[in-house]
């Protein structure tokens, strides 16, 4: 089973990387791009076949290591 984890900064948290990307896009001539937010995407191949157990395990991984839950939100999608 494959787990896809999308991690984004919570609203209200400053995103200096997003601002840098926004500035770079503007410098390259891409006008009208505002409020860029950057995040992380992680794919995990899991041996677990039970979707509920897999999701629970990945959520524990997110809370323990993959995401800083103080400033980040995460979403887990399962395939297979």
PDB file of N, CA and C in Angstrom:
ATOM      1  N   UNK A   1       0.854  -1.172   0.000  1.00  0.00           N
ATOM      2  CA  UNK A   1       0.000   0.000   0.000  1.00  0.00           C
ATOM      3  C   UNK A   1       0.898   1.232   0.000  1.00  0.00           C
ATOM      4  N   UNK A   2       0.488   2.255  -0.729  1.00  0.00           N
ATOM      5  CA  UNK A   2       1.256   3.492  -0.805  1.00  0.00           C
ATOM      6  C   UNK A   2       0.514   4.591  -0.057  1.00  0.00           C
ATOM      7  N   UNK A   3       1.253   5.352   0.740  1.00  0.00           N
ATOM      8  CA  UNK A   3       0.695   6.513   1.435  1.00  0.00           C
ATOM      9  C   UNK A   3       1.335   7.766   0.864  1.00  0.00           C
ATOM     10  N   UNK A   4       0.501   8.744   0.591  1.00  0.00           N
ATOM     11  CA  UNK A   4       0.977  10.046   0.121  1.00  0.00           C
ATOM     12  C   UNK A   4       0.620  11.073   1.188  1.00  0.00           C
ATOM     13  N   UNK A   5       1.634  11.793   1.652  1.00  0.00           N
ATOM     14  CA  UNK A   5       1.446  12.758   2.729  1.00  0.00           C
ATOM     15  C   UNK A   5       1.721  14.159   2.188  1.00  0.00           C
ATOM     16  N   UNK A   6       0.737  15.031   2.317  1.00  0.00           N
ATOM     17  CA  UNK A   6       0.857  16.431   1.905  1.00  0.00           C
ATOM     18  C   UNK A   6       0.960  17.275   3.174  1.00  0.00           C
ATOM     19  N   UNK A   7       2.043  18.028   3.296  1.00  0.00           N
ATOM     20  CA  UNK A   7       2.271  18.840   4.491  1.00  0.00           C
ATOM     21  C   UNK A   7       2.340  20.303   4.083  1.00  0.00           C
ATOM     22  N   UNK A   8       1.540  21.129   4.740  1.00  0.00           N
ATOM     23  CA  UNK A   8       1.512  22.559   4.441  1.00  0.00           C
ATOM     24  C   UNK A   8       1.564  23.355   5.742  1.00  0.00           C
ATOM     25  N   UNK A   9       2.041  24.571   5.633  1.00  0.00           N
ATOM     26  CA  UNK A   9       2.051  25.459   6.797  1.00  0.00           C
ATOM     27  C   UNK A   9       0.625  25.873   7.133  1.00  0.00           C
ATOM     28  N   UNK A  10       0.345  25.994   8.400  1.00  0.00           N
ATOM     29  CA  UNK A  10      -0.958  26.483   8.840  1.00  0.00           C
ATOM     30  C   UNK A  10      -1.105  27.934   8.403  1.00  0.00           C
ATOM     31  N   UNK A  11      -2.356  28.343   8.195  1.00  0.00           N
ATOM     32  CA  UNK A  11      -2.594  29.733   7.818  1.00  0.00           C
ATOM     33  C   UNK A  11      -2.130  30.633   8.957  1.00  0.00           C
ATOM     34  N   UNK A  12      -1.573  31.753   8.614  1.00  0.00           N
ATOM     35  CA  UNK A  12      -1.062  32.682   9.615  1.00  0.00           C
ATOM     36  C   UNK A  12       0.406  32.477   9.939  1.00  0.00           C
ATOM     37  N   UNK A  13       0.978  31.346   9.527  1.00  0.00           N
ATOM     38  CA  UNK A  13       2.407  31.089   9.745  1.00  0.00           C
ATOM     39  C   UNK A  13       3.171  31.673   8.563  1.00  0.00           C
ATOM     40  N   UNK A  14       4.185  32.472   8.847  1.00  0.00           N
ATOM     41  CA  UNK A  14       4.978  33.073   7.781  1.00  0.00           C
ATOM     42  C   UNK A  14       5.658  31.997   6.956  1.00  0.00           C
ATOM     43  N   UNK A  15       5.739  32.226   5.644  1.00  0.00           N
ATOM     44  CA  UNK A  15       6.330  31.262   4.723  1.00  0.00           C
ATOM     45  C   UNK A  15       7.414  31.952   3.896  1.00  0.00           C
ATOM     46  N   UNK A  16       8.635  32.074   4.431  1.00  0.00           N
ATOM     47  CA  UNK A  16       9.690  32.762   3.684  1.00  0.00           C
ATOM     48  C   UNK A  16      10.054  32.065   2.373  1.00  0.00           C
ATOM     49  N   UNK A  17       9.968  30.747   2.315  1.00  0.00           N
ATOM     50  CA  UNK A  17      10.249  30.047   1.055  1.00  0.00           C
ATOM     51  C   UNK A  17       9.190  30.383   0.008  1.00  0.00           C
ATOM     52  N   UNK A  18       7.947  30.440   0.427  1.00  0.00           N
ATOM     53  CA  UNK A  18       6.870  30.824  -0.480  1.00  0.00           C
ATOM     54  C   UNK A  18       7.063  32.235  -1.007  1.00  0.00           C
ATOM     55  N   UNK A  19       7.478  33.144  -0.122  1.00  0.00           N
ATOM     56  CA  UNK A  19       7.744  34.533  -0.554  1.00  0.00           C
ATOM     57  C   UNK A  19       8.886  34.578  -1.555  1.00  0.00           C
ATOM     58  N   UNK A  20       9.941  33.777  -1.320  1.00  0.00           N
ATOM     59  CA  UNK A  20      11.078  33.736  -2.247  1.00  0.00           C
ATOM     60  C   UNK A  20      10.642  33.209  -3.613  1.00  0.00           C
ATOM     61  N   UNK A  21       9.803  32.175  -3.625  1.00  0.00           N
ATOM     62  CA  UNK A  21       9.302  31.640  -4.891  1.00  0.00           C
ATOM     63  C   UNK A  21       8.440  32.682  -5.599  1.00  0.00           C
ATOM     64  N   UNK A  22       7.588  33.361  -4.849  1.00  0.00           N
ATOM     65  CA  UNK A  22       6.742  34.405  -5.427  1.00  0.00           C
ATOM     66  C   UNK A  22       7.595  35.500  -6.050  1.00  0.00           C
ATOM     67  N   UNK A  23       8.633  35.938  -5.345  1.00  0.00           N
ATOM     68  CA  UNK A  23       9.527  36.977  -5.859  1.00  0.00           C
ATOM     69  C   UNK A  23      10.248  36.492  -7.122  1.00  0.00           C
ATOM     70  N   UNK A  24      10.743  35.255  -7.103  1.00  0.00           N
ATOM     71  CA  UNK A  24      11.452  34.707  -8.264  1.00  0.00           C
ATOM     72  C   UNK A  24      10.524  34.615  -9.473  1.00  0.00           C
ATOM     73  N   UNK A  25       9.296  34.185  -9.260  1.00  0.00           N
ATOM     74  CA  UNK A  25       8.342  34.114 -10.373  1.00  0.00           C
ATOM     75  C   UNK A  25       8.077  35.492 -10.957  1.00  0.00           C
ATOM     76  N   UNK A  26       7.932  36.471 -10.070  1.00  0.00           N
ATOM     77  CA  UNK A  26       7.738  37.847 -10.528  1.00  0.00           C
ATOM     78  C   UNK A  26       8.937  38.325 -11.337  1.00  0.00           C
ATOM     79  N   UNK A  27      10.151  38.002 -10.861  1.00  0.00           N
ATOM     80  CA  UNK A  27      11.377  38.390 -11.567  1.00  0.00           C
ATOM     81  C   UNK A  27      11.471  37.739 -12.939  1.00  0.00           C
ATOM     82  N   UNK A  28      10.862  36.577 -13.083  1.00  0.00           N
ATOM     83  CA  UNK A  28      10.875  35.865 -14.367  1.00  0.00           C
ATOM     84  C   UNK A  28       9.754  36.310 -15.297  1.00  0.00           C
ATOM     85  N   UNK A  29       8.960  37.284 -14.843  1.00  0.00           N
ATOM     86  CA  UNK A  29       7.917  37.836 -15.692  1.00  0.00           C
ATOM     87  C   UNK A  29       6.541  37.221 -15.500  1.00  0.00           C
ATOM     88  N   UNK A  30       6.365  36.396 -14.497  1.00  0.00           N
ATOM     89  CA  UNK A  30       5.056  35.802 -14.235  1.00  0.00           C
ATOM     90  C   UNK A  30       4.279  36.731 -13.311  1.00  0.00           C
ATOM     91  N   UNK A  31       3.494  37.604 -13.909  1.00  0.00           N
ATOM     92  CA  UNK A  31       2.726  38.589 -13.148  1.00  0.00           C
ATOM     93  C   UNK A  31       1.451  37.957 -12.596  1.00  0.00           C
ATOM     94  N   UNK A  32       0.936  38.526 -11.536  1.00  0.00           N
ATOM     95  CA  UNK A  32      -0.344  38.103 -10.989  1.00  0.00           C
ATOM     96  C   UNK A  32      -0.278  36.869 -10.105  1.00  0.00           C
ATOM     97  N   UNK A  33       0.905  36.478  -9.676  1.00  0.00           N
ATOM     98  CA  UNK A  33       1.031  35.340  -8.761  1.00  0.00           C
ATOM     99  C   UNK A  33       1.173  35.907  -7.352  1.00  0.00           C
ATOM    100  N   UNK A  34       0.195  35.636  -6.513  1.00  0.00           N
ATOM    101  CA  UNK A  34       0.180  36.183  -5.165  1.00  0.00           C
ATOM    102  C   UNK A  34       0.065  35.073  -4.129  1.00  0.00           C
ATOM    103  N   UNK A  35       0.568  35.353  -2.944  1.00  0.00           N
ATOM    104  CA  UNK A  35       0.410  34.495  -1.775  1.00  0.00           C
ATOM    105  C   UNK A  35       0.847  33.047  -2.033  1.00  0.00           C
ATOM    106  N   UNK A  36       2.086  32.874  -2.456  1.00  0.00           N
ATOM    107  CA  UNK A  36       2.636  31.541  -2.699  1.00  0.00           C
ATOM    108  C   UNK A  36       2.942  30.878  -1.363  1.00  0.00           C
ATOM    109  N   UNK A  37       2.505  29.640  -1.211  1.00  0.00           N
ATOM    110  CA  UNK A  37       2.777  28.842  -0.015  1.00  0.00           C
ATOM    111  C   UNK A  37       3.481  27.570  -0.473  1.00  0.00           C
ATOM    112  N   UNK A  38       4.551  27.221   0.185  1.00  0.00           N
ATOM    113  CA  UNK A  38       5.303  26.024  -0.168  1.00  0.00           C
ATOM    114  C   UNK A  38       5.092  24.963   0.887  1.00  0.00           C
ATOM    115  N   UNK A  39       5.061  23.709   0.461  1.00  0.00           N
ATOM    116  CA  UNK A  39       4.864  22.612   1.391  1.00  0.00           C
ATOM    117  C   UNK A  39       5.778  21.449   1.060  1.00  0.00           C
ATOM    118  N   UNK A  40       5.448  20.299   1.634  1.00  0.00           N
ATOM    119  CA  UNK A  40       6.224  19.079   1.417  1.00  0.00           C
ATOM    120  C   UNK A  40       5.287  17.977   0.955  1.00  0.00           C
ATOM    121  N   UNK A  41       5.844  17.062   0.173  1.00  0.00           N
ATOM    122  CA  UNK A  41       5.109  15.888  -0.290  1.00  0.00           C
ATOM    123  C   UNK A  41       5.987  14.672  -0.043  1.00  0.00           C
ATOM    124  N   UNK A  42       5.441  13.683   0.647  1.00  0.00           N
ATOM    125  CA  UNK A  42       6.203  12.486   0.997  1.00  0.00           C
ATOM    126  C   UNK A  42       5.402  11.258   0.580  1.00  0.00           C
ATOM    127  N   UNK A  43       6.053  10.325  -0.130  1.00  0.00           N
ATOM    128  CA  UNK A  43       5.437   9.046  -0.476  1.00  0.00           C
ATOM    129  C   UNK A  43       6.080   7.938   0.345  1.00  0.00           C
ATOM    130  N   UNK A  44       5.240   7.077   0.884  1.00  0.00           N
ATOM    131  CA  UNK A  44       5.710   5.954   1.693  1.00  0.00           C
ATOM    132  C   UNK A  44       5.123   4.661   1.133  1.00  0.00           C
ATOM    133  N   UNK A  45       5.946   3.659   0.950  1.00  0.00           N
ATOM    134  CA  UNK A  45       5.471   2.333   0.560  1.00  0.00           C
ATOM    135  C   UNK A  45       5.339   1.514   1.850  1.00  0.00           C
ATOM    136  N   UNK A  46       4.129   1.041   2.123  1.00  0.00           N
ATOM    137  CA  UNK A  46       3.838   0.359   3.373  1.00  0.00           C
ATOM    138  C   UNK A  46       3.543  -1.115   3.143  1.00  0.00           C
ATOM    139  N   UNK A  47       3.975  -1.965   4.063  1.00  0.00           N
ATOM    140  CA  UNK A  47       3.662  -3.386   4.009  1.00  0.00           C
ATOM    141  C   UNK A  47       2.237  -3.653   4.500  1.00  0.00           C
ATOM    142  N   UNK A  48       1.712  -2.755   5.310  1.00  0.00           N
ATOM    143  CA  UNK A  48       0.371  -2.912   5.887  1.00  0.00           C
ATOM    144  C   UNK A  48      -0.677  -2.933   4.771  1.00  0.00           C
ATOM    145  N   UNK A  49      -1.639  -3.858   4.857  1.00  0.00           N
ATOM    146  CA  UNK A  49      -2.692  -3.956   3.847  1.00  0.00           C
ATOM    147  C   UNK A  49      -4.045  -3.460   4.348  1.00  0.00           C
ATOM    148  N   UNK A  50      -4.193  -3.315   5.647  1.00  0.00           N
ATOM    149  CA  UNK A  50      -5.445  -2.809   6.216  1.00  0.00           C
ATOM    150  C   UNK A  50      -5.410  -1.280   6.158  1.00  0.00           C
ATOM    151  N   UNK A  51      -6.334  -0.662   5.389  1.00  0.00           N
ATOM    152  CA  UNK A  51      -6.308   0.797   5.235  1.00  0.00           C
ATOM    153  C   UNK A  51      -6.395   1.573   6.553  1.00  0.00           C
ATOM    154  N   UNK A  52      -7.211   1.127   7.470  1.00  0.00           N
ATOM    155  CA  UNK A  52      -7.359   1.832   8.751  1.00  0.00           C
ATOM    156  C   UNK A  52      -6.059   1.785   9.549  1.00  0.00           C
ATOM    157  N   UNK A  53      -5.422   0.628   9.584  1.00  0.00           N
ATOM    158  CA  UNK A  53      -4.153   0.501  10.305  1.00  0.00           C
ATOM    159  C   UNK A  53      -3.054   1.299   9.617  1.00  0.00           C
ATOM    160  N   UNK A  54      -3.051   1.285   8.287  1.00  0.00           N
ATOM    161  CA  UNK A  54      -2.037   2.027   7.534  1.00  0.00           C
ATOM    162  C   UNK A  54      -2.180   3.528   7.796  1.00  0.00           C
ATOM    163  N   UNK A  55      -3.416   4.017   7.722  1.00  0.00           N
ATOM    164  CA  UNK A  55      -3.634   5.447   7.949  1.00  0.00           C
ATOM    165  C   UNK A  55      -3.248   5.843   9.364  1.00  0.00           C
ATOM    166  N   UNK A  56      -3.603   5.022  10.327  1.00  0.00           N
ATOM    167  CA  UNK A  56      -3.241   5.295  11.720  1.00  0.00           C
ATOM    168  C   UNK A  56      -1.726   5.345  11.893  1.00  0.00           C
ATOM    169  N   UNK A  57      -1.027   4.397  11.286  1.00  0.00           N
ATOM    170  CA  UNK A  57       0.436   4.364  11.397  1.00  0.00           C
ATOM    171  C   UNK A  57       1.065   5.604  10.764  1.00  0.00           C
ATOM    172  N   UNK A  58       0.573   5.993   9.591  1.00  0.00           N
ATOM    173  CA  UNK A  58       1.139   7.166   8.914  1.00  0.00           C
ATOM    174  C   UNK A  58       0.831   8.432   9.704  1.00  0.00           C
ATOM    175  N   UNK A  59      -0.343   8.521  10.289  1.00  0.00           N
ATOM    176  CA  UNK A  59      -0.659   9.688  11.117  1.00  0.00           C
ATOM    177  C   UNK A  59       0.271   9.760  12.322  1.00  0.00           C
ATOM    178  N   UNK A  60       0.609   8.623  12.912  1.00  0.00           N
ATOM    179  CA  UNK A  60       1.577   8.619  14.009  1.00  0.00           C
ATOM    180  C   UNK A  60       2.954   9.064  13.521  1.00  0.00           C
ATOM    181  N   UNK A  61       3.329   8.642  12.304  1.00  0.00           N
ATOM    182  CA  UNK A  61       4.603   9.078  11.715  1.00  0.00           C
ATOM    183  C   UNK A  61       4.614  10.589  11.525  1.00  0.00           C
ATOM    184  N   UNK A  62       3.487  11.126  11.073  1.00  0.00           N
ATOM    185  CA  UNK A  62       3.392  12.574  10.859  1.00  0.00           C
ATOM    186  C   UNK A  62       3.533  13.325  12.175  1.00  0.00           C
ATOM    187  N   UNK A  63       2.831  12.868  13.184  1.00  0.00           N
ATOM    188  CA  UNK A  63       2.875  13.537  14.487  1.00  0.00           C
ATOM    189  C   UNK A  63       4.236  13.396  15.156  1.00  0.00           C
ATOM    190  N   UNK A  64       4.928  12.276  14.901  1.00  0.00           N
ATOM    191  CA  UNK A  64       6.203  12.033  15.560  1.00  0.00           C
ATOM    192  C   UNK A  64       7.420  12.564  14.831  1.00  0.00           C
ATOM    193  N   UNK A  65       7.337  12.689  13.480  1.00  0.00           N
ATOM    194  CA  UNK A  65       8.532  13.052  12.726  1.00  0.00           C
ATOM    195  C   UNK A  65       8.262  13.884  11.477  1.00  0.00           C
ATOM    196  N   UNK A  66       7.326  13.459  10.654  1.00  0.00           N
ATOM    197  CA  UNK A  66       7.198  14.032   9.317  1.00  0.00           C
ATOM    198  C   UNK A  66       6.682  15.469   9.302  1.00  0.00           C
ATOM    199  N   UNK A  67       5.813  15.820  10.232  1.00  0.00           N
ATOM    200  CA  UNK A  67       5.226  17.168  10.261  1.00  0.00           C
ATOM    201  C   UNK A  67       5.448  17.794  11.630  1.00  0.00           C
ATOM    202  N   UNK A  68       5.658  19.095  11.622  1.00  0.00           N
ATOM    203  CA  UNK A  68       5.704  19.858  12.867  1.00  0.00           C
ATOM    204  C   UNK A  68       4.280  20.346  13.109  1.00  0.00           C
ATOM    205  N   UNK A  69       3.524  19.609  13.906  1.00  0.00           N
ATOM    206  CA  UNK A  69       2.093  19.892  14.053  1.00  0.00           C
ATOM    207  C   UNK A  69       1.786  21.209  14.754  1.00  0.00           C
ATOM    208  N   UNK A  70       2.796  21.864  15.287  1.00  0.00           N
ATOM    209  CA  UNK A  70       2.582  23.187  15.871  1.00  0.00           C
ATOM    210  C   UNK A  70       2.327  24.207  14.766  1.00  0.00           C
ATOM    211  N   UNK A  71       3.049  24.073  13.656  1.00  0.00           N
ATOM    212  CA  UNK A  71       2.938  25.065  12.579  1.00  0.00           C
ATOM    213  C   UNK A  71       2.493  24.473  11.235  1.00  0.00           C
ATOM    214  N   UNK A  72       2.348  23.141  11.160  1.00  0.00           N
ATOM    215  CA  UNK A  72       1.999  22.511   9.892  1.00  0.00           C
ATOM    216  C   UNK A  72       0.748  21.648  10.002  1.00  0.00           C
ATOM    217  N   UNK A  73       0.000  21.610   8.908  1.00  0.00           N
ATOM    218  CA  UNK A  73      -1.107  20.674   8.738  1.00  0.00           C
ATOM    219  C   UNK A  73      -0.627  19.561   7.821  1.00  0.00           C
ATOM    220  N   UNK A  74      -1.267  18.405   7.909  1.00  0.00           N
ATOM    221  CA  UNK A  74      -0.931  17.328   6.990  1.00  0.00           C
ATOM    222  C   UNK A  74      -2.199  16.603   6.564  1.00  0.00           C
ATOM    223  N   UNK A  75      -2.101  15.971   5.388  1.00  0.00           N
ATOM    224  CA  UNK A  75      -3.197  15.161   4.861  1.00  0.00           C
ATOM    225  C   UNK A  75      -2.596  13.852   4.359  1.00  0.00           C
ATOM    226  N   UNK A  76      -3.236  12.743   4.678  1.00  0.00           N
ATOM    227  CA  UNK A  76      -2.757  11.420   4.269  1.00  0.00           C
ATOM    228  C   UNK A  76      -3.735  10.841   3.263  1.00  0.00           C
ATOM    229  N   UNK A  77      -3.204  10.445   2.099  1.00  0.00           N
ATOM    230  CA  UNK A  77      -3.997   9.746   1.081  1.00  0.00           C
ATOM    231  C   UNK A  77      -3.389   8.365   0.888  1.00  0.00           C
ATOM    232  N   UNK A  78      -4.229   7.337   0.842  1.00  0.00           N
ATOM    233  CA  UNK A  78      -3.771   5.966   0.651  1.00  0.00           C
ATOM    234  C   UNK A  78      -4.140   5.455  -0.736  1.00  0.00           C
ATOM    235  N   UNK A  79      -3.265   4.661  -1.331  1.00  0.00           N
ATOM    236  CA  UNK A  79      -3.531   4.007  -2.606  1.00  0.00           C
ATOM    237  C   UNK A  79      -3.232   2.527  -2.446  1.00  0.00           C
ATOM    238  N   UNK A  80      -4.065   1.703  -3.081  1.00  0.00           N
ATOM    239  CA  UNK A  80      -3.801   0.268  -3.074  1.00  0.00           C
ATOM    240  C   UNK A  80      -4.459  -0.374  -1.940  1.00  0.00           C
TER     241      UNK A  80
END
